[in-house]
Amino acid sequence: MTLVELDSYERYHIGNKLNPATNFEKLKDDLETSLKDCGFSITKEDSFNRINIASEVICTKNNVKVELNYAAQALNLIGTNPSDVTSIFEEIISTLPKMDYEIDSTVIFFEVIAEILLKSPGKPMEKIGALMQLNTELFTDNDIPKVNAIGIRIGGNEPSDKAFITLTIEPNPVNPNLKTAVKLQYRAEKQNIIEFHRGLDGKIIKLFEQF
């Protein structure tokens, strides 16, 4: 069993995919009006035409960004501390009905996107390759150097399903001999999104310890 520890969350993102009929200009104004007295710092609007902006951060709280992504039609909460991001998510979700936005009609789905770094003494690339029982000499007769496992992808159900999870596990590009990058996407109902971060560290570590 490999000794492994969680190094950091590079990103913890909770996305709310919105109904395409949503008036984003009005939603932005409504959120700014409702959140400015709740400890949120409203981001000052730039002078250029916002019609051409793909996304913008409208406010922040506890190092969590509240972003409207016009291109993806989403309301996102982005930070590096899962607990803080989840807390802001709960606050935003409780605020929307007060602004006359019905959650079931406004939000198409909720999802978590996370990027997590693990640290371990063993070389991640070698351990992933061993897990796959990879024949590193497979292409050497074609003048190709030894091949290594770049990463693995695991998951349950399909992205078209109402609830699913996928994880991509690969050596960290800038520190491949010590750190492993885990990219995670999880889609579920609101309550499951709220509870997801609890125990997540241990689950990710246990997964990697099986290598």
N, C-alpha and C. Protein backbone atom coordinates (compact mmCIF):
# COMPACT_ATOMS: atom_id res chain seq x y z
N MET A 1 0.84 -1.20 0.00
CA MET A 1 0.00 0.00 0.00
C MET A 1 0.88 1.25 0.00
N THR A 2 0.56 2.20 -0.85
CA THR A 2 1.34 3.42 -0.99
C THR A 2 0.93 4.47 0.03
N LEU A 3 1.92 5.02 0.74
CA LEU A 3 1.65 6.12 1.65
C LEU A 3 1.35 7.37 0.83
N VAL A 4 0.20 7.95 1.03
CA VAL A 4 -0.20 9.10 0.21
C VAL A 4 -0.92 10.11 1.08
N GLU A 5 -0.78 11.37 0.76
CA GLU A 5 -1.47 12.43 1.48
C GLU A 5 -2.01 13.45 0.49
N LEU A 6 -3.09 14.09 0.88
CA LEU A 6 -3.66 15.13 0.02
C LEU A 6 -2.83 16.39 0.15
N ASP A 7 -2.32 16.88 -0.97
CA ASP A 7 -1.46 18.06 -0.97
C ASP A 7 -2.28 19.35 -1.00
N SER A 8 -3.23 19.45 -1.95
CA SER A 8 -4.03 20.68 -2.05
C SER A 8 -5.18 20.48 -3.04
N TYR A 9 -6.14 21.36 -2.92
CA TYR A 9 -7.17 21.50 -3.95
C TYR A 9 -6.76 22.67 -4.83
N GLU A 10 -6.47 22.38 -6.09
CA GLU A 10 -6.15 23.44 -7.03
C GLU A 10 -7.41 24.23 -7.40
N ARG A 11 -8.54 23.52 -7.40
CA ARG A 11 -9.82 24.16 -7.68
C ARG A 11 -10.94 23.28 -7.14
N TYR A 12 -11.95 23.94 -6.57
CA TYR A 12 -13.19 23.26 -6.20
C TYR A 12 -14.31 24.15 -6.72
N HIS A 13 -15.06 23.60 -7.65
CA HIS A 13 -16.02 24.39 -8.43
C HIS A 13 -17.39 23.72 -8.32
N ILE A 14 -18.39 24.48 -7.90
CA ILE A 14 -19.76 23.98 -7.95
C ILE A 14 -20.50 24.79 -9.01
N GLY A 15 -20.98 24.09 -10.03
CA GLY A 15 -21.67 24.75 -11.13
C GLY A 15 -23.17 24.52 -11.09
N ASN A 16 -23.90 25.54 -11.47
CA ASN A 16 -25.34 25.47 -11.61
C ASN A 16 -25.67 25.75 -13.07
N LYS A 17 -25.97 24.72 -13.82
CA LYS A 17 -26.33 24.91 -15.23
C LYS A 17 -27.74 25.48 -15.28
N LEU A 18 -27.88 26.67 -15.90
CA LEU A 18 -29.15 27.40 -15.84
C LEU A 18 -30.00 27.21 -17.09
N ASN A 19 -31.28 27.39 -16.88
CA ASN A 19 -32.25 27.38 -17.97
C ASN A 19 -31.83 28.42 -19.02
N PRO A 20 -31.71 28.04 -20.30
CA PRO A 20 -31.27 29.00 -21.32
C PRO A 20 -32.19 30.21 -21.47
N ALA A 21 -33.41 30.11 -20.94
CA ALA A 21 -34.33 31.25 -21.01
C ALA A 21 -34.04 32.30 -19.94
N THR A 22 -33.06 32.02 -19.07
CA THR A 22 -32.72 32.96 -18.00
C THR A 22 -32.22 34.28 -18.56
N ASN A 23 -32.71 35.36 -18.03
CA ASN A 23 -32.23 36.70 -18.36
C ASN A 23 -30.99 36.97 -17.50
N PHE A 24 -29.81 36.80 -18.07
CA PHE A 24 -28.59 36.90 -17.28
C PHE A 24 -28.31 38.32 -16.80
N GLU A 25 -28.69 39.30 -17.56
CA GLU A 25 -28.49 40.69 -17.13
C GLU A 25 -29.31 40.96 -15.87
N LYS A 26 -30.55 40.50 -15.88
CA LYS A 26 -31.41 40.69 -14.71
C LYS A 26 -30.92 39.87 -13.53
N LEU A 27 -30.48 38.62 -13.80
CA LEU A 27 -29.97 37.77 -12.73
C LEU A 27 -28.76 38.42 -12.08
N LYS A 28 -27.88 38.98 -12.87
CA LYS A 28 -26.69 39.64 -12.32
C LYS A 28 -27.10 40.80 -11.41
N ASP A 29 -28.01 41.63 -11.89
CA ASP A 29 -28.46 42.76 -11.08
C ASP A 29 -29.15 42.30 -9.80
N ASP A 30 -29.97 41.26 -9.92
CA ASP A 30 -30.68 40.75 -8.75
C ASP A 30 -29.70 40.19 -7.72
N LEU A 31 -28.69 39.45 -8.19
CA LEU A 31 -27.71 38.89 -7.26
C LEU A 31 -26.91 39.98 -6.57
N GLU A 32 -26.47 40.96 -7.31
CA GLU A 32 -25.70 42.05 -6.71
C GLU A 32 -26.52 42.78 -5.65
N THR A 33 -27.78 43.03 -5.96
CA THR A 33 -28.64 43.73 -5.01
C THR A 33 -28.87 42.90 -3.75
N SER A 34 -29.07 41.60 -3.92
CA SER A 34 -29.38 40.73 -2.79
C SER A 34 -28.16 40.38 -1.95
N LEU A 35 -26.98 40.30 -2.58
CA LEU A 35 -25.80 39.80 -1.89
C LEU A 35 -24.92 40.89 -1.29
N LYS A 36 -25.10 42.12 -1.72
CA LYS A 36 -24.19 43.17 -1.26
C LYS A 36 -24.29 43.42 0.24
N ASP A 37 -25.44 43.09 0.84
CA ASP A 37 -25.61 43.29 2.28
C ASP A 37 -25.42 41.99 3.06
N CYS A 38 -24.88 40.97 2.40
CA CYS A 38 -24.69 39.66 3.05
C CYS A 38 -23.22 39.28 3.15
N GLY A 39 -22.36 40.27 3.15
CA GLY A 39 -20.93 40.00 3.29
C GLY A 39 -20.19 39.73 2.02
N PHE A 40 -20.87 39.85 0.87
CA PHE A 40 -20.21 39.66 -0.42
C PHE A 40 -19.60 40.97 -0.89
N SER A 41 -18.43 40.87 -1.52
CA SER A 41 -17.79 42.03 -2.13
C SER A 41 -18.16 42.06 -3.60
N ILE A 42 -18.89 43.08 -4.01
CA ILE A 42 -19.35 43.18 -5.39
C ILE A 42 -18.18 43.63 -6.27
N THR A 43 -17.97 42.92 -7.37
CA THR A 43 -16.91 43.26 -8.30
C THR A 43 -17.31 44.47 -9.13
N LYS A 44 -16.41 45.43 -9.22
CA LYS A 44 -16.70 46.63 -9.99
C LYS A 44 -16.79 46.29 -11.47
N GLU A 45 -17.77 46.82 -12.11
CA GLU A 45 -18.01 46.54 -13.53
C GLU A 45 -16.99 47.26 -14.40
N ASP A 46 -16.42 46.53 -15.36
CA ASP A 46 -15.50 47.15 -16.31
C ASP A 46 -16.26 48.05 -17.27
N SER A 47 -15.54 48.95 -17.88
CA SER A 47 -16.18 49.94 -18.74
C SER A 47 -16.52 49.40 -20.12
N PHE A 48 -15.86 48.29 -20.57
CA PHE A 48 -16.13 47.82 -21.92
C PHE A 48 -17.46 47.07 -21.98
N ASN A 49 -17.92 46.82 -23.18
CA ASN A 49 -19.24 46.22 -23.40
C ASN A 49 -19.26 44.77 -22.92
N ARG A 50 -20.10 44.46 -21.94
CA ARG A 50 -20.15 43.14 -21.35
C ARG A 50 -20.80 42.12 -22.26
N ILE A 51 -21.41 42.54 -23.36
CA ILE A 51 -22.05 41.59 -24.27
C ILE A 51 -21.02 40.61 -24.83
N ASN A 52 -19.77 41.07 -24.99
CA ASN A 52 -18.74 40.24 -25.59
C ASN A 52 -17.97 39.41 -24.57
N ILE A 53 -18.37 39.47 -23.30
CA ILE A 53 -17.67 38.74 -22.26
C ILE A 53 -18.23 37.32 -22.14
N ALA A 54 -17.36 36.32 -22.14
CA ALA A 54 -17.82 34.94 -22.00
C ALA A 54 -18.28 34.65 -20.58
N SER A 55 -17.59 35.24 -19.60
CA SER A 55 -17.95 35.05 -18.20
C SER A 55 -17.40 36.20 -17.38
N GLU A 56 -17.97 36.39 -16.19
CA GLU A 56 -17.44 37.41 -15.30
C GLU A 56 -17.74 37.06 -13.85
N VAL A 57 -16.81 37.43 -12.97
CA VAL A 57 -16.99 37.27 -11.54
C VAL A 57 -17.77 38.48 -11.04
N ILE A 58 -18.94 38.23 -10.47
CA ILE A 58 -19.78 39.35 -10.05
C ILE A 58 -19.57 39.72 -8.59
N CYS A 59 -19.11 38.76 -7.77
CA CYS A 59 -18.82 39.08 -6.37
C CYS A 59 -17.98 37.96 -5.77
N THR A 60 -17.45 38.22 -4.58
CA THR A 60 -16.64 37.23 -3.87
C THR A 60 -16.98 37.24 -2.38
N LYS A 61 -16.70 36.12 -1.74
CA LYS A 61 -16.86 36.02 -0.29
C LYS A 61 -16.01 34.86 0.20
N ASN A 62 -15.22 35.09 1.25
CA ASN A 62 -14.36 34.04 1.82
C ASN A 62 -13.49 33.36 0.74
N ASN A 63 -12.95 34.17 -0.16
CA ASN A 63 -12.09 33.68 -1.24
C ASN A 63 -12.81 32.77 -2.21
N VAL A 64 -14.11 32.85 -2.25
CA VAL A 64 -14.92 32.11 -3.22
C VAL A 64 -15.49 33.09 -4.24
N LYS A 65 -15.29 32.80 -5.51
CA LYS A 65 -15.79 33.66 -6.57
C LYS A 65 -17.18 33.21 -7.01
N VAL A 66 -18.07 34.18 -7.17
CA VAL A 66 -19.39 33.92 -7.73
C VAL A 66 -19.34 34.39 -9.18
N GLU A 67 -19.41 33.44 -10.10
CA GLU A 67 -19.20 33.74 -11.51
C GLU A 67 -20.46 33.45 -12.33
N LEU A 68 -20.76 34.34 -13.23
CA LEU A 68 -21.78 34.08 -14.25
C LEU A 68 -21.06 33.77 -15.55
N ASN A 69 -21.26 32.56 -16.05
CA ASN A 69 -20.66 32.16 -17.32
C ASN A 69 -21.74 32.24 -18.38
N TYR A 70 -21.68 33.30 -19.20
CA TYR A 70 -22.72 33.53 -20.21
C TYR A 70 -22.62 32.51 -21.34
N ALA A 71 -21.40 32.12 -21.67
CA ALA A 71 -21.22 31.16 -22.77
C ALA A 71 -21.76 29.78 -22.40
N ALA A 72 -21.50 29.36 -21.14
CA ALA A 72 -21.96 28.04 -20.69
C ALA A 72 -23.33 28.10 -20.04
N GLN A 73 -23.87 29.31 -19.88
CA GLN A 73 -25.18 29.51 -19.25
C GLN A 73 -25.18 28.87 -17.86
N ALA A 74 -24.23 29.33 -17.03
CA ALA A 74 -24.08 28.72 -15.71
C ALA A 74 -23.76 29.78 -14.65
N LEU A 75 -24.16 29.47 -13.44
CA LEU A 75 -23.81 30.25 -12.26
C LEU A 75 -22.86 29.39 -11.45
N ASN A 76 -21.61 29.84 -11.30
CA ASN A 76 -20.56 29.01 -10.72
C ASN A 76 -20.01 29.59 -9.43
N LEU A 77 -19.64 28.71 -8.53
CA LEU A 77 -18.95 29.08 -7.30
C LEU A 77 -17.58 28.42 -7.36
N ILE A 78 -16.51 29.22 -7.28
CA ILE A 78 -15.17 28.72 -7.55
C ILE A 78 -14.22 29.12 -6.42
N GLY A 79 -13.51 28.15 -5.88
CA GLY A 79 -12.53 28.42 -4.85
C GLY A 79 -11.57 27.26 -4.72
N THR A 80 -10.84 27.20 -3.60
CA THR A 80 -9.91 26.10 -3.36
C THR A 80 -10.20 25.37 -2.06
N ASN A 81 -11.19 25.84 -1.31
CA ASN A 81 -11.58 25.18 -0.07
C ASN A 81 -12.99 24.61 -0.25
N PRO A 82 -13.12 23.28 -0.32
CA PRO A 82 -14.44 22.70 -0.58
C PRO A 82 -15.52 23.12 0.39
N SER A 83 -15.17 23.26 1.68
CA SER A 83 -16.16 23.65 2.67
C SER A 83 -16.68 25.06 2.42
N ASP A 84 -15.77 25.98 2.11
CA ASP A 84 -16.16 27.37 1.86
C ASP A 84 -17.01 27.47 0.59
N VAL A 85 -16.60 26.77 -0.46
CA VAL A 85 -17.36 26.81 -1.71
C VAL A 85 -18.76 26.25 -1.50
N THR A 86 -18.86 25.16 -0.76
CA THR A 86 -20.16 24.56 -0.50
C THR A 86 -21.04 25.48 0.33
N SER A 87 -20.44 26.16 1.30
CA SER A 87 -21.20 27.11 2.13
C SER A 87 -21.78 28.24 1.28
N ILE A 88 -20.98 28.77 0.35
CA ILE A 88 -21.46 29.83 -0.54
C ILE A 88 -22.53 29.29 -1.48
N PHE A 89 -22.36 28.06 -1.94
CA PHE A 89 -23.37 27.42 -2.78
C PHE A 89 -24.72 27.37 -2.04
N GLU A 90 -24.70 26.94 -0.79
CA GLU A 90 -25.93 26.89 -0.02
C GLU A 90 -26.55 28.27 0.14
N GLU A 91 -25.70 29.26 0.34
CA GLU A 91 -26.20 30.63 0.51
C GLU A 91 -26.85 31.15 -0.77
N ILE A 92 -26.20 30.88 -1.90
CA ILE A 92 -26.74 31.34 -3.18
C ILE A 92 -28.05 30.62 -3.49
N ILE A 93 -28.08 29.31 -3.26
CA ILE A 93 -29.28 28.52 -3.56
C ILE A 93 -30.46 28.96 -2.68
N SER A 94 -30.17 29.35 -1.46
CA SER A 94 -31.25 29.83 -0.58
C SER A 94 -31.69 31.24 -0.95
N THR A 95 -30.83 31.99 -1.64
CA THR A 95 -31.14 33.37 -2.03
C THR A 95 -32.00 33.41 -3.29
N LEU A 96 -31.76 32.51 -4.23
CA LEU A 96 -32.48 32.54 -5.50
C LEU A 96 -34.01 32.55 -5.35
N PRO A 97 -34.61 31.69 -4.51
CA PRO A 97 -36.07 31.74 -4.37
C PRO A 97 -36.58 33.07 -3.81
N LYS A 98 -35.77 33.73 -3.00
CA LYS A 98 -36.16 35.03 -2.46
C LYS A 98 -36.19 36.09 -3.55
N MET A 99 -35.51 35.82 -4.67
CA MET A 99 -35.51 36.74 -5.81
C MET A 99 -36.50 36.27 -6.88
N ASP A 100 -37.38 35.33 -6.50
CA ASP A 100 -38.42 34.79 -7.38
C ASP A 100 -37.87 33.90 -8.49
N TYR A 101 -36.74 33.23 -8.23
CA TYR A 101 -36.23 32.23 -9.15
C TYR A 101 -36.51 30.85 -8.54
N GLU A 102 -37.38 30.07 -9.16
CA GLU A 102 -37.68 28.73 -8.67
C GLU A 102 -36.52 27.80 -9.05
N ILE A 103 -35.95 27.13 -8.05
CA ILE A 103 -34.76 26.31 -8.28
C ILE A 103 -35.02 25.23 -9.33
N ASP A 104 -36.12 24.52 -9.20
CA ASP A 104 -36.40 23.41 -10.13
C ASP A 104 -36.55 23.87 -11.57
N SER A 105 -36.99 25.11 -11.77
CA SER A 105 -37.18 25.64 -13.12
C SER A 105 -35.96 26.40 -13.62
N THR A 106 -35.20 26.98 -12.70
CA THR A 106 -34.06 27.80 -13.09
C THR A 106 -32.80 26.98 -13.31
N VAL A 107 -32.57 25.97 -12.47
CA VAL A 107 -31.34 25.17 -12.53
C VAL A 107 -31.63 23.83 -13.20
N ILE A 108 -30.90 23.55 -14.28
CA ILE A 108 -31.07 22.28 -15.01
C ILE A 108 -30.35 21.15 -14.28
N PHE A 109 -29.12 21.41 -13.83
CA PHE A 109 -28.40 20.42 -13.02
C PHE A 109 -27.31 21.11 -12.21
N PHE A 110 -26.85 20.40 -11.18
CA PHE A 110 -25.75 20.85 -10.32
C PHE A 110 -24.58 19.91 -10.53
N GLU A 111 -23.36 20.44 -10.46
CA GLU A 111 -22.21 19.56 -10.55
C GLU A 111 -21.00 20.14 -9.84
N VAL A 112 -20.14 19.24 -9.39
CA VAL A 112 -18.86 19.59 -8.79
C VAL A 112 -17.76 19.26 -9.78
N ILE A 113 -16.84 20.19 -9.97
CA ILE A 113 -15.63 19.93 -10.74
C ILE A 113 -14.46 20.27 -9.83
N ALA A 114 -13.60 19.30 -9.58
CA ALA A 114 -12.49 19.52 -8.66
C ALA A 114 -11.18 19.07 -9.27
N GLU A 115 -10.12 19.77 -8.91
CA GLU A 115 -8.76 19.39 -9.30
C GLU A 115 -7.95 19.27 -8.00
N ILE A 116 -7.48 18.05 -7.74
CA ILE A 116 -6.86 17.73 -6.46
C ILE A 116 -5.45 17.21 -6.69
N LEU A 117 -4.51 17.65 -5.85
CA LEU A 117 -3.14 17.15 -5.93
C LEU A 117 -2.86 16.23 -4.75
N LEU A 118 -2.31 15.05 -5.05
CA LEU A 118 -1.88 14.10 -4.03
C LEU A 118 -0.37 14.02 -4.04
N LYS A 119 0.20 13.76 -2.86
CA LYS A 119 1.65 13.61 -2.75
C LYS A 119 1.96 12.23 -2.20
N SER A 120 2.92 11.56 -2.84
CA SER A 120 3.31 10.23 -2.37
C SER A 120 4.78 10.00 -2.71
N PRO A 121 5.47 9.15 -1.95
CA PRO A 121 6.89 8.90 -2.21
C PRO A 121 7.14 8.08 -3.47
N GLY A 122 6.16 7.30 -3.89
CA GLY A 122 6.33 6.49 -5.09
C GLY A 122 6.05 7.29 -6.34
N LYS A 123 6.67 6.92 -7.45
CA LYS A 123 6.47 7.64 -8.70
C LYS A 123 5.08 7.30 -9.27
N PRO A 124 4.20 8.30 -9.39
CA PRO A 124 2.83 8.04 -9.85
C PRO A 124 2.76 7.34 -11.20
N MET A 125 3.62 7.72 -12.15
CA MET A 125 3.56 7.12 -13.47
C MET A 125 3.86 5.63 -13.41
N GLU A 126 4.84 5.26 -12.60
CA GLU A 126 5.19 3.86 -12.48
C GLU A 126 4.08 3.06 -11.80
N LYS A 127 3.45 3.66 -10.80
CA LYS A 127 2.40 2.96 -10.07
C LYS A 127 1.16 2.79 -10.93
N ILE A 128 0.84 3.81 -11.72
CA ILE A 128 -0.31 3.69 -12.62
C ILE A 128 -0.02 2.62 -13.67
N GLY A 129 1.20 2.61 -14.17
CA GLY A 129 1.57 1.59 -15.14
C GLY A 129 1.51 0.20 -14.56
N ALA A 130 1.97 0.04 -13.30
CA ALA A 130 1.93 -1.27 -12.64
C ALA A 130 0.50 -1.73 -12.43
N LEU A 131 -0.38 -0.80 -12.09
CA LEU A 131 -1.78 -1.13 -11.89
C LEU A 131 -2.38 -1.69 -13.17
N MET A 132 -1.98 -1.12 -14.29
CA MET A 132 -2.50 -1.55 -15.58
C MET A 132 -1.75 -2.76 -16.14
N GLN A 133 -0.67 -3.19 -15.42
CA GLN A 133 0.19 -4.27 -15.91
C GLN A 133 0.65 -3.96 -17.33
N LEU A 134 1.12 -2.75 -17.49
CA LEU A 134 1.51 -2.25 -18.81
C LEU A 134 2.83 -2.85 -19.27
N ASN A 135 2.87 -3.31 -20.49
CA ASN A 135 4.10 -3.79 -21.11
C ASN A 135 4.82 -2.58 -21.71
N THR A 136 5.83 -2.07 -20.99
CA THR A 136 6.51 -0.85 -21.43
C THR A 136 7.35 -1.05 -22.68
N GLU A 137 7.62 -2.31 -23.05
CA GLU A 137 8.45 -2.60 -24.22
C GLU A 137 7.62 -2.80 -25.48
N LEU A 138 6.34 -2.54 -25.42
CA LEU A 138 5.41 -2.92 -26.47
C LEU A 138 5.79 -2.37 -27.85
N PHE A 139 6.29 -1.14 -27.91
CA PHE A 139 6.56 -0.52 -29.21
C PHE A 139 8.04 -0.26 -29.46
N THR A 140 8.90 -0.84 -28.64
CA THR A 140 10.33 -0.56 -28.80
C THR A 140 10.87 -1.06 -30.14
N ASP A 141 10.24 -2.07 -30.73
CA ASP A 141 10.72 -2.58 -32.01
C ASP A 141 10.40 -1.63 -33.16
N ASN A 142 9.64 -0.57 -32.89
CA ASN A 142 9.35 0.45 -33.90
C ASN A 142 10.12 1.73 -33.60
N ASP A 143 11.24 1.60 -32.89
CA ASP A 143 12.10 2.72 -32.53
C ASP A 143 11.39 3.74 -31.64
N ILE A 144 10.37 3.29 -30.92
CA ILE A 144 9.68 4.15 -29.96
C ILE A 144 10.21 3.82 -28.57
N PRO A 145 10.59 4.84 -27.77
CA PRO A 145 11.07 4.57 -26.41
C PRO A 145 10.00 3.86 -25.58
N LYS A 146 10.39 3.39 -24.42
CA LYS A 146 9.44 2.72 -23.55
C LYS A 146 8.20 3.59 -23.32
N VAL A 147 7.06 2.96 -23.36
CA VAL A 147 5.81 3.69 -23.12
C VAL A 147 5.46 3.62 -21.64
N ASN A 148 4.77 4.64 -21.16
CA ASN A 148 4.30 4.67 -19.79
C ASN A 148 2.82 5.03 -19.77
N ALA A 149 2.15 4.67 -18.71
CA ALA A 149 0.74 5.05 -18.56
C ALA A 149 0.66 6.54 -18.26
N ILE A 150 -0.02 7.27 -19.11
CA ILE A 150 -0.18 8.70 -18.90
C ILE A 150 -1.22 8.96 -17.82
N GLY A 151 -2.21 8.09 -17.70
CA GLY A 151 -3.23 8.26 -16.69
C GLY A 151 -4.33 7.23 -16.87
N ILE A 152 -5.26 7.23 -15.94
CA ILE A 152 -6.42 6.36 -16.04
C ILE A 152 -7.68 7.17 -15.78
N ARG A 153 -8.80 6.69 -16.30
CA ARG A 153 -10.08 7.36 -16.12
C ARG A 153 -11.09 6.33 -15.62
N ILE A 154 -11.75 6.66 -14.52
CA ILE A 154 -12.74 5.75 -13.97
C ILE A 154 -14.03 6.53 -13.71
N GLY A 155 -15.12 5.81 -13.62
CA GLY A 155 -16.37 6.50 -13.36
C GLY A 155 -17.54 5.54 -13.30
N GLY A 156 -18.70 6.10 -13.06
CA GLY A 156 -19.92 5.32 -12.98
C GLY A 156 -21.04 6.00 -13.72
N ASN A 157 -21.77 5.24 -14.50
CA ASN A 157 -22.88 5.74 -15.32
C ASN A 157 -22.36 6.66 -16.42
N GLU A 158 -23.28 7.23 -17.17
CA GLU A 158 -22.93 8.03 -18.32
C GLU A 158 -23.20 9.52 -18.06
N PRO A 159 -22.46 10.42 -18.73
CA PRO A 159 -22.70 11.85 -18.53
C PRO A 159 -24.13 12.30 -18.84
N SER A 160 -24.86 11.49 -19.60
CA SER A 160 -26.25 11.85 -19.88
C SER A 160 -27.18 11.51 -18.72
N ASP A 161 -26.68 10.72 -17.76
CA ASP A 161 -27.50 10.35 -16.61
C ASP A 161 -27.65 11.52 -15.65
N LYS A 162 -28.67 11.43 -14.81
CA LYS A 162 -28.95 12.51 -13.87
C LYS A 162 -27.86 12.63 -12.81
N ALA A 163 -27.26 11.50 -12.44
CA ALA A 163 -26.18 11.50 -11.46
C ALA A 163 -25.05 10.61 -11.97
N PHE A 164 -23.82 11.12 -11.91
CA PHE A 164 -22.66 10.33 -12.32
C PHE A 164 -21.40 10.93 -11.73
N ILE A 165 -20.33 10.17 -11.77
CA ILE A 165 -19.03 10.67 -11.33
C ILE A 165 -17.95 10.11 -12.26
N THR A 166 -16.98 10.93 -12.60
CA THR A 166 -15.81 10.47 -13.35
C THR A 166 -14.57 11.06 -12.70
N LEU A 167 -13.50 10.30 -12.70
CA LEU A 167 -12.22 10.75 -12.17
C LEU A 167 -11.12 10.42 -13.16
N THR A 168 -10.26 11.38 -13.41
CA THR A 168 -9.07 11.17 -14.22
C THR A 168 -7.86 11.29 -13.30
N ILE A 169 -7.01 10.27 -13.32
CA ILE A 169 -5.86 10.23 -12.42
C ILE A 169 -4.60 10.16 -13.27
N GLU A 170 -3.70 11.12 -13.07
CA GLU A 170 -2.49 11.18 -13.89
C GLU A 170 -1.38 11.88 -13.13
N PRO A 171 -0.13 11.63 -13.48
CA PRO A 171 0.98 12.35 -12.84
C PRO A 171 0.83 13.86 -13.05
N ASN A 172 1.16 14.62 -12.02
CA ASN A 172 1.12 16.07 -12.15
C ASN A 172 2.18 16.51 -13.16
N PRO A 173 1.81 17.25 -14.20
CA PRO A 173 2.76 17.58 -15.28
C PRO A 173 4.02 18.28 -14.81
N VAL A 174 3.95 19.10 -13.75
CA VAL A 174 5.12 19.87 -13.33
C VAL A 174 5.90 19.19 -12.20
N ASN A 175 5.34 18.11 -11.65
CA ASN A 175 6.04 17.38 -10.59
C ASN A 175 5.64 15.91 -10.66
N PRO A 176 5.93 15.24 -11.78
CA PRO A 176 5.39 13.90 -12.03
C PRO A 176 5.97 12.80 -11.17
N ASN A 177 7.12 13.03 -10.54
CA ASN A 177 7.73 11.99 -9.73
C ASN A 177 7.26 12.00 -8.28
N LEU A 178 6.49 13.00 -7.90
CA LEU A 178 6.07 13.11 -6.50
C LEU A 178 4.56 13.30 -6.36
N LYS A 179 3.94 13.99 -7.32
CA LYS A 179 2.54 14.35 -7.14
C LYS A 179 1.65 13.77 -8.24
N THR A 180 0.42 13.49 -7.84
CA THR A 180 -0.59 12.96 -8.74
C THR A 180 -1.75 13.94 -8.81
N ALA A 181 -2.22 14.19 -10.01
CA ALA A 181 -3.37 15.09 -10.21
C ALA A 181 -4.63 14.25 -10.40
N VAL A 182 -5.66 14.58 -9.64
CA VAL A 182 -6.96 13.93 -9.77
C VAL A 182 -7.96 14.98 -10.23
N LYS A 183 -8.56 14.75 -11.39
CA LYS A 183 -9.60 15.63 -11.90
C LYS A 183 -10.93 14.92 -11.76
N LEU A 184 -11.87 15.58 -11.12
CA LEU A 184 -13.13 14.93 -10.74
C LEU A 184 -14.32 15.73 -11.25
N GLN A 185 -15.30 15.03 -11.75
CA GLN A 185 -16.58 15.64 -12.13
C GLN A 185 -17.69 14.81 -11.51
N TYR A 186 -18.58 15.49 -10.78
CA TYR A 186 -19.66 14.80 -10.07
C TYR A 186 -20.95 15.58 -10.28
N ARG A 187 -21.97 14.89 -10.75
CA ARG A 187 -23.27 15.52 -10.97
C ARG A 187 -24.32 14.80 -10.13
N ALA A 188 -25.15 15.56 -9.43
CA ALA A 188 -26.13 14.94 -8.55
C ALA A 188 -27.17 15.96 -8.14
N GLU A 189 -28.09 15.54 -7.27
CA GLU A 189 -29.10 16.43 -6.72
C GLU A 189 -28.45 17.42 -5.75
N LYS A 190 -29.17 18.47 -5.46
CA LYS A 190 -28.63 19.55 -4.63
C LYS A 190 -28.09 19.05 -3.29
N GLN A 191 -28.85 18.24 -2.58
CA GLN A 191 -28.42 17.79 -1.24
C GLN A 191 -27.16 16.96 -1.31
N ASN A 192 -27.05 16.14 -2.34
CA ASN A 192 -25.83 15.34 -2.50
C ASN A 192 -24.63 16.21 -2.83
N ILE A 193 -24.84 17.29 -3.59
CA ILE A 193 -23.76 18.24 -3.89
C ILE A 193 -23.29 18.89 -2.59
N ILE A 194 -24.24 19.24 -1.72
CA ILE A 194 -23.90 19.88 -0.44
C ILE A 194 -23.06 18.96 0.43
N GLU A 195 -23.39 17.67 0.44
CA GLU A 195 -22.72 16.71 1.32
C GLU A 195 -21.46 16.11 0.71
N PHE A 196 -21.22 16.34 -0.57
CA PHE A 196 -20.18 15.62 -1.29
C PHE A 196 -18.79 15.84 -0.72
N HIS A 197 -18.46 17.06 -0.30
CA HIS A 197 -17.10 17.35 0.13
C HIS A 197 -16.73 16.67 1.44
N ARG A 198 -17.77 16.28 2.22
CA ARG A 198 -17.51 15.63 3.50
C ARG A 198 -16.96 14.22 3.26
N GLY A 199 -15.77 13.98 3.71
CA GLY A 199 -15.16 12.67 3.52
C GLY A 199 -14.50 12.48 2.17
N LEU A 200 -14.52 13.51 1.32
CA LEU A 200 -13.94 13.37 -0.02
C LEU A 200 -12.44 13.12 0.05
N ASP A 201 -11.73 13.82 0.95
CA ASP A 201 -10.28 13.63 1.08
C ASP A 201 -9.95 12.16 1.29
N GLY A 202 -10.64 11.55 2.26
CA GLY A 202 -10.36 10.16 2.59
C GLY A 202 -10.67 9.21 1.45
N LYS A 203 -11.75 9.47 0.71
CA LYS A 203 -12.12 8.60 -0.41
C LYS A 203 -11.07 8.66 -1.51
N ILE A 204 -10.58 9.88 -1.80
CA ILE A 204 -9.57 10.02 -2.85
C ILE A 204 -8.28 9.33 -2.44
N ILE A 205 -7.88 9.49 -1.19
CA ILE A 205 -6.66 8.85 -0.71
C ILE A 205 -6.79 7.33 -0.74
N LYS A 206 -7.93 6.79 -0.29
CA LYS A 206 -8.13 5.35 -0.30
C LYS A 206 -8.10 4.80 -1.73
N LEU A 207 -8.65 5.56 -2.66
CA LEU A 207 -8.62 5.14 -4.05
C LEU A 207 -7.18 5.00 -4.53
N PHE A 208 -6.34 5.99 -4.24
CA PHE A 208 -4.96 5.95 -4.72
C PHE A 208 -4.14 4.91 -3.98
N GLU A 209 -4.49 4.64 -2.71
CA GLU A 209 -3.74 3.66 -1.94
C GLU A 209 -3.93 2.24 -2.50
N GLN A 210 -4.95 2.06 -3.32
CA GLN A 210 -5.17 0.75 -3.92
C GLN A 210 -4.21 0.47 -5.07
N PHE A 211 -3.50 1.48 -5.52
CA PHE A 211 -2.58 1.29 -6.63
C PHE A 211 -1.39 0.43 -6.18
